Amino acid sequence: VLAARDAGLTFMVGGSEARYPDAEKLLGVMGRNVVHCGGVGTGEAAKICNNMLLGISMIGVSETMNLGIKLGLDPKLLAKILNMSSGRCWSSEVYNPCPGIVEGVPSSRNYEGGFGSALMLK
């Protein structure tokens, strides 16, 4: 939702190379990354792979933050440590699923307006 609002989306496009430049012009208005992946269906394949990794990453960060809190760590301190160490990833740094770590993301807004499981399934 935030990337769409800020025109920071990434588009993975499948289709003919001849038609790609037209699509790139239109999609470039909504996102900063437009990538031609190959023939019809390859854009969807790339999106499925990306969403799979995002889901795994979000689950990992969620479980890590939960464990740290249960072990008595301050969640903001834990997030800071993760983001300066080998655990750093987009889910921990930009879209942390633990409330109060990153302002403006769904976890800090009572999980409103986030990337729901229905979108992941899509």
Protein backbone atom coordinates (compact mmCIF):
# COMPACT_ATOMS: atom_id res chain seq x y z
CA VAL A 1 0.00 0.00 0.00
CA LEU A 2 2.75 2.47 0.94
CA ALA A 3 4.82 1.71 -2.16
CA ALA A 4 1.77 2.19 -4.37
CA ARG A 5 1.02 5.51 -2.73
CA ASP A 6 4.62 6.66 -3.18
CA ALA A 7 4.94 5.29 -6.76
CA GLY A 8 7.69 2.99 -5.55
CA LEU A 9 6.33 -0.29 -6.86
CA THR A 10 8.28 -2.89 -8.77
CA PHE A 11 6.55 -4.38 -11.80
CA MET A 12 7.56 -7.76 -13.14
CA VAL A 13 6.30 -7.93 -16.71
CA GLY A 14 5.84 -10.90 -18.99
CA GLY A 15 5.00 -10.58 -22.65
CA SER A 16 6.51 -9.84 -26.01
CA GLU A 17 9.62 -7.71 -26.16
CA ALA A 18 8.04 -5.65 -28.93
CA ARG A 19 5.14 -4.54 -26.69
CA TYR A 20 7.20 -4.10 -23.52
CA PRO A 21 8.29 -0.46 -24.14
CA ASP A 22 4.65 0.67 -24.17
CA ALA A 23 3.91 -1.15 -20.92
CA GLU A 24 7.11 0.20 -19.38
CA LYS A 25 6.03 3.81 -20.04
CA LEU A 26 2.66 3.28 -18.33
CA LEU A 27 3.96 1.26 -15.41
CA GLY A 28 6.87 3.63 -14.91
CA VAL A 29 4.39 6.25 -13.73
CA MET A 30 3.38 4.00 -10.82
CA GLY A 31 6.70 2.43 -9.95
CA ARG A 32 10.39 3.00 -10.04
CA ASN A 33 11.30 -0.52 -11.17
CA VAL A 34 9.81 -2.12 -14.29
CA VAL A 35 11.48 -5.36 -15.33
CA HIS A 36 10.80 -7.41 -18.45
CA CYS A 37 11.02 -11.06 -17.33
CA GLY A 38 10.45 -12.81 -20.66
CA GLY A 39 7.40 -14.30 -22.32
CA VAL A 40 3.80 -14.38 -21.12
CA GLY A 41 3.58 -15.67 -17.54
CA THR A 42 7.15 -14.93 -16.50
CA GLY A 43 6.17 -11.73 -14.72
CA GLU A 44 3.69 -13.71 -12.62
CA ALA A 45 6.35 -16.32 -11.90
CA ALA A 46 8.75 -13.64 -10.67
CA LYS A 47 5.99 -12.08 -8.53
CA ILE A 48 5.13 -15.44 -6.95
CA CYS A 49 8.80 -15.99 -6.08
CA ASN A 50 9.11 -12.49 -4.61
CA ASN A 51 5.92 -12.86 -2.56
CA MET A 52 7.07 -16.23 -1.26
CA LEU A 53 10.35 -14.77 -0.03
CA LEU A 54 8.57 -11.77 1.50
CA GLY A 55 6.18 -14.06 3.38
CA ILE A 56 9.05 -16.17 4.71
CA SER A 57 10.98 -13.06 5.70
CA MET A 58 7.99 -11.51 7.50
CA ILE A 59 7.35 -14.72 9.41
CA GLY A 60 11.02 -14.86 10.39
CA VAL A 61 11.08 -11.28 11.61
CA SER A 62 7.79 -11.74 13.47
CA GLU A 63 9.03 -14.86 15.26
CA THR A 64 12.38 -13.24 16.01
CA MET A 65 10.82 -10.13 17.49
CA ASN A 66 8.37 -12.24 19.51
CA LEU A 67 11.20 -14.42 20.88
CA GLY A 68 13.28 -11.37 21.78
CA ILE A 69 10.39 -9.75 23.63
CA LYS A 70 9.69 -13.01 25.50
CA LEU A 71 13.38 -13.16 26.47
CA GLY A 72 13.16 -9.66 27.93
CA LEU A 73 14.71 -7.60 25.14
CA ASP A 74 13.41 -4.17 24.31
CA PRO A 75 11.89 -4.53 20.80
CA LYS A 76 13.35 -1.25 19.55
CA LEU A 77 16.81 -2.27 20.72
CA LEU A 78 16.43 -5.71 19.14
CA ALA A 79 15.33 -4.17 15.83
CA LYS A 80 18.32 -1.82 15.94
CA ILE A 81 20.69 -4.74 16.54
CA LEU A 82 19.12 -6.85 13.77
CA ASN A 83 19.33 -3.97 11.31
CA MET A 84 23.04 -3.45 11.91
CA SER A 85 23.80 -7.15 11.80
CA SER A 86 23.44 -10.13 9.50
CA GLY A 87 19.70 -10.46 10.25
CA ARG A 88 18.95 -7.18 8.46
CA CYS A 89 16.32 -7.44 5.72
CA TRP A 90 13.51 -5.35 4.22
CA SER A 91 10.99 -6.85 6.63
CA SER A 92 13.04 -5.91 9.69
CA GLU A 93 14.19 -2.49 8.54
CA VAL A 94 11.43 -0.98 6.40
CA TYR A 95 8.20 -2.83 7.28
CA ASN A 96 8.84 -4.34 10.71
CA PRO A 97 5.79 -6.39 11.76
CA CYS A 98 6.29 -5.53 15.45
CA PRO A 99 4.28 -2.50 16.62
CA GLY A 100 6.22 0.63 17.48
CA ILE A 101 9.40 -0.12 15.57
CA VAL A 102 8.75 1.66 12.26
CA GLU A 103 6.27 4.51 12.14
CA GLY A 104 3.61 4.61 9.43
CA VAL A 105 3.60 0.87 8.66
CA PRO A 106 0.56 -1.33 9.40
CA SER A 107 2.02 -2.83 12.60
CA SER A 108 2.25 0.66 14.08
CA ARG A 109 -1.31 1.45 12.96
CA ASN A 110 -3.05 -1.52 14.59
CA TYR A 111 -2.33 -3.56 11.42
CA GLU A 112 -4.67 -1.44 9.26
CA GLY A 113 -3.97 -1.03 5.56
CA GLY A 114 -1.32 -3.71 5.22
CA PHE A 115 -0.48 -6.47 2.83
CA GLY A 116 -3.05 -9.07 3.79
CA SER A 117 -2.98 -12.79 3.19
CA ALA A 118 -5.57 -12.36 0.39
CA LEU A 119 -3.02 -10.28 -1.55
CA MET A 120 -0.34 -12.88 -0.87
CA LEU A 121 -2.64 -15.58 -2.25
CA LYS A 122 -3.32 -13.52 -5.36
